[in-house]
Amino acid sequence: MEKIVYTLLALTSVVGLGVIGWRGWMLRWSQVVPPQITDSLAECRSPEDLKRLRGHCEQTPSSLARLLLLATDHLDWPKADNVDSLETAARHEIVRLERGLVVLEIIVGIAPLLGLVGTIAGMMTLFGDIGQSGLGDAARLAKGIALILNATLIGLLIAIPSLIFWSYFSKKVEVLAVEMETLCDEFIRRQYRDRK
């Protein structure tokens, strides 16, 4: 039973590290809100600027680029309809940015529990051995208990970094979402104001 628990803890650790690396790479600011798009967006005043912005968005796939392409495709729609369409697409982009974070959340919950299961299984084995051989060597008992508690420690050492990164990535997604919302809102306002 202990080997199974340690195997599951090792697997949990590997999956957690993989998700942390993957989300860290995908949630880079330049990956979600590329500076060349924000620069082009700030200069977007004329139809030529709009074409340049579309070109940058097509060349630099990102969450912001997909939202701006959708908004530019629907500029002939009434403003309210374009905003509604953009909000729906933005929700999809947020879900895409949050992808994998639920895995970290699960690891935060199960890693300590797996450690506890390992500790309990180890104690059952240890006390079973003591029941058969007696309590003749207290040093052996202490060493056995110390080894058993390793499972709990490993579970916590997996859960704590997972919790830190889950919190960090969740907040980063929130900040990125606010930034994209602000940029898209400014773009829509400017485009419809200039069309009057």
Protein backbone atom coordinates (compact mmCIF):
# COMPACT_ATOMS: atom_id res chain seq x y z
CA MET A 1 0.00 0.00 0.00
CA GLU A 2 2.81 2.43 0.85
CA LYS A 3 4.45 1.88 -2.54
CA ILE A 4 1.19 2.73 -4.26
CA VAL A 5 0.87 5.91 -2.20
CA TYR A 6 4.47 6.97 -2.95
CA THR A 7 3.90 6.23 -6.65
CA LEU A 8 0.75 8.37 -6.63
CA LEU A 9 2.60 11.15 -4.80
CA ALA A 10 5.40 11.02 -7.38
CA LEU A 11 2.86 11.11 -10.21
CA THR A 12 1.06 14.01 -8.56
CA SER A 13 4.35 15.87 -8.25
CA VAL A 14 5.26 15.33 -11.90
CA VAL A 15 1.81 16.38 -13.11
CA GLY A 16 1.90 19.46 -10.88
CA LEU A 17 5.33 20.51 -12.15
CA GLY A 18 4.18 19.94 -15.73
CA VAL A 19 1.09 22.10 -15.30
CA ILE A 20 3.10 24.82 -13.55
CA GLY A 21 5.63 24.92 -16.40
CA TRP A 22 2.94 24.80 -19.10
CA ARG A 23 0.78 27.52 -17.57
CA GLY A 24 3.82 29.64 -16.75
CA TRP A 25 4.81 29.52 -20.42
CA MET A 26 1.31 30.14 -21.78
CA LEU A 27 0.42 32.95 -19.38
CA ARG A 28 3.38 35.17 -20.22
CA TRP A 29 2.23 38.74 -20.73
CA SER A 30 3.78 38.86 -24.21
CA GLN A 31 1.92 35.67 -25.14
CA VAL A 32 -1.54 36.94 -24.12
CA VAL A 33 -1.23 40.71 -24.66
CA PRO A 34 1.61 41.13 -27.20
CA PRO A 35 3.26 44.56 -27.15
CA GLN A 36 3.21 44.93 -30.95
CA ILE A 37 -0.59 44.61 -30.88
CA THR A 38 -1.01 47.07 -28.01
CA ASP A 39 1.30 49.53 -29.80
CA SER A 40 -0.66 49.16 -33.03
CA LEU A 41 -3.92 49.47 -31.09
CA ALA A 42 -2.80 52.74 -29.49
CA GLU A 43 -2.09 54.20 -32.95
CA CYS A 44 -5.29 52.90 -34.56
CA ARG A 45 -7.16 55.98 -35.75
CA SER A 46 -7.69 55.65 -39.52
CA PRO A 47 -8.84 52.82 -41.81
CA GLU A 48 -5.18 52.25 -42.79
CA ASP A 49 -4.28 51.89 -39.11
CA LEU A 50 -7.14 49.42 -38.76
CA LYS A 51 -5.70 47.31 -41.60
CA ARG A 52 -2.28 47.44 -39.93
CA LEU A 53 -3.84 46.36 -36.63
CA ARG A 54 -5.58 43.44 -38.34
CA GLY A 55 -2.27 42.42 -39.91
CA HIS A 56 -0.52 42.43 -36.53
CA CYS A 57 -3.37 40.44 -34.99
CA GLU A 58 -3.22 37.83 -37.76
CA GLN A 59 0.58 37.53 -37.49
CA THR A 60 0.60 37.30 -33.68
CA PRO A 61 -1.98 34.76 -32.49
CA SER A 62 -3.01 35.57 -28.92
CA SER A 63 -6.10 36.06 -26.80
CA LEU A 64 -6.09 39.80 -27.41
CA ALA A 65 -5.54 39.31 -31.15
CA ARG A 66 -8.52 36.95 -31.44
CA LEU A 67 -10.76 39.43 -29.60
CA LEU A 68 -9.66 42.39 -31.71
CA LEU A 69 -10.10 40.43 -34.95
CA LEU A 70 -13.64 39.58 -33.89
CA ALA A 71 -14.34 43.21 -33.02
CA THR A 72 -12.96 44.48 -36.34
CA ASP A 73 -14.97 41.86 -38.26
CA HIS A 74 -18.16 43.17 -36.65
CA LEU A 75 -17.60 46.92 -36.93
CA ASP A 76 -20.51 47.10 -39.38
CA TRP A 77 -22.80 45.74 -36.63
CA PRO A 78 -24.50 48.04 -34.12
CA LYS A 79 -22.20 48.81 -31.20
CA ALA A 80 -24.28 46.89 -28.64
CA ASP A 81 -24.25 43.74 -30.77
CA ASN A 82 -20.50 43.98 -31.31
CA VAL A 83 -19.94 44.42 -27.56
CA ASP A 84 -22.16 41.41 -26.78
CA SER A 85 -20.28 39.29 -29.29
CA LEU A 86 -16.97 40.45 -27.85
CA GLU A 87 -18.04 39.66 -24.27
CA THR A 88 -18.99 36.11 -25.26
CA ALA A 89 -15.66 35.61 -27.02
CA ALA A 90 -13.84 37.11 -24.02
CA ARG A 91 -15.43 34.53 -21.71
CA HIS A 92 -14.12 31.79 -24.01
CA GLU A 93 -10.65 33.34 -23.91
CA ILE A 94 -10.72 33.45 -20.09
CA VAL A 95 -11.65 29.76 -20.00
CA ARG A 96 -8.74 29.10 -22.36
CA LEU A 97 -6.37 31.03 -20.09
CA GLU A 98 -7.61 29.14 -17.01
CA ARG A 99 -7.04 25.78 -18.69
CA GLY A 100 -5.08 23.44 -16.43
CA LEU A 101 -5.54 25.47 -13.26
CA VAL A 102 -8.15 23.03 -12.02
CA VAL A 103 -5.45 20.34 -12.04
CA LEU A 104 -3.36 22.41 -9.62
CA GLU A 105 -6.44 22.96 -7.48
CA ILE A 106 -7.03 19.19 -7.34
CA ILE A 107 -3.37 18.54 -6.48
CA VAL A 108 -3.62 21.04 -3.61
CA GLY A 109 -6.46 18.94 -2.22
CA ILE A 110 -5.26 15.40 -2.85
CA ALA A 111 -1.50 15.58 -2.17
CA PRO A 112 -1.84 16.04 1.62
CA LEU A 113 -4.56 13.40 1.69
CA LEU A 114 -2.34 10.93 -0.17
CA GLY A 115 0.42 11.70 2.31
CA LEU A 116 -1.96 11.03 5.16
CA VAL A 117 -3.04 7.73 3.60
CA GLY A 118 0.63 6.75 3.33
CA THR A 119 1.20 7.66 6.97
CA ILE A 120 -1.81 5.67 8.16
CA ALA A 121 -0.87 2.64 6.03
CA GLY A 122 2.69 2.81 7.37
CA MET A 123 1.49 3.05 10.96
CA MET A 124 -0.80 0.08 10.50
CA THR A 125 2.13 -1.95 9.18
CA LEU A 126 4.43 -0.75 11.97
CA PHE A 127 1.95 -1.45 14.76
CA GLY A 128 1.13 -4.81 13.19
CA ASP A 129 4.83 -5.73 13.35
CA ILE A 130 5.03 -4.49 16.95
CA GLY A 131 2.01 -6.59 17.82
CA GLN A 132 3.79 -9.69 16.57
CA SER A 133 7.31 -9.03 17.84
CA GLY A 134 6.58 -6.90 20.90
CA LEU A 135 7.90 -3.48 21.91
CA GLY A 136 11.44 -4.50 22.70
CA ASP A 137 13.30 -1.78 20.74
CA ALA A 138 12.02 1.79 21.20
CA ALA A 139 14.66 3.16 18.79
CA ARG A 140 13.29 0.93 16.04
CA LEU A 141 9.77 2.20 16.77
CA ALA A 142 10.89 5.84 16.62
CA LYS A 143 12.74 5.24 13.36
CA GLY A 144 9.65 3.55 11.89
CA ILE A 145 7.40 6.45 12.89
CA ALA A 146 9.86 8.96 11.40
CA LEU A 147 9.84 7.06 8.09
CA ILE A 148 6.06 6.91 8.12
CA LEU A 149 5.70 10.67 8.56
CA ASN A 150 7.70 11.19 5.36
CA ALA A 151 4.54 10.51 3.34
CA THR A 152 2.72 13.38 5.06
CA LEU A 153 5.71 15.66 4.57
CA ILE A 154 5.98 14.79 0.87
CA GLY A 155 2.24 15.41 0.41
CA LEU A 156 2.57 18.84 1.98
CA LEU A 157 5.69 19.66 -0.04
CA ILE A 158 3.72 18.92 -3.20
CA ALA A 159 0.58 20.78 -2.12
CA ILE A 160 2.22 24.00 -0.92
CA PRO A 161 3.95 25.00 -4.21
CA SER A 162 0.85 23.90 -6.13
CA LEU A 163 -1.27 26.22 -3.98
CA ILE A 164 1.18 29.09 -4.48
CA PHE A 165 1.22 28.71 -8.27
CA TRP A 166 -2.53 28.11 -8.48
CA SER A 167 -3.13 31.39 -6.60
CA TYR A 168 -0.53 33.23 -8.69
CA PHE A 169 -1.88 31.99 -12.03
CA SER A 170 -5.51 32.67 -11.01
CA LYS A 171 -4.62 36.25 -10.13
CA LYS A 172 -2.59 36.63 -13.32
CA VAL A 173 -5.54 35.47 -15.44
CA GLU A 174 -7.70 38.03 -13.65
CA VAL A 175 -5.19 40.83 -14.35
CA LEU A 176 -4.83 39.78 -18.01
CA ALA A 177 -8.61 39.69 -18.38
CA VAL A 178 -8.95 43.23 -17.02
CA GLU A 179 -6.20 44.45 -19.34
CA MET A 180 -7.80 42.85 -22.41
CA GLU A 181 -11.22 44.20 -21.41
CA THR A 182 -9.79 47.70 -21.07
CA LEU A 183 -7.99 47.57 -24.42
CA CYS A 184 -11.01 46.16 -26.26
CA ASP A 185 -13.36 48.67 -24.64
CA GLU A 186 -11.12 51.58 -25.68
CA PHE A 187 -10.89 50.18 -29.21
CA ILE A 188 -14.67 49.78 -29.55
CA ARG A 189 -15.38 53.25 -28.13
CA ARG A 190 -12.84 54.89 -30.45
CA GLN A 191 -14.07 53.05 -33.55
CA TYR A 192 -17.73 53.84 -33.01
CA ARG A 193 -17.04 57.45 -31.94
CA ASP A 194 -14.98 58.03 -35.10
CA ARG A 195 -17.75 56.59 -37.28
CA LYS A 196 -20.36 59.12 -36.17
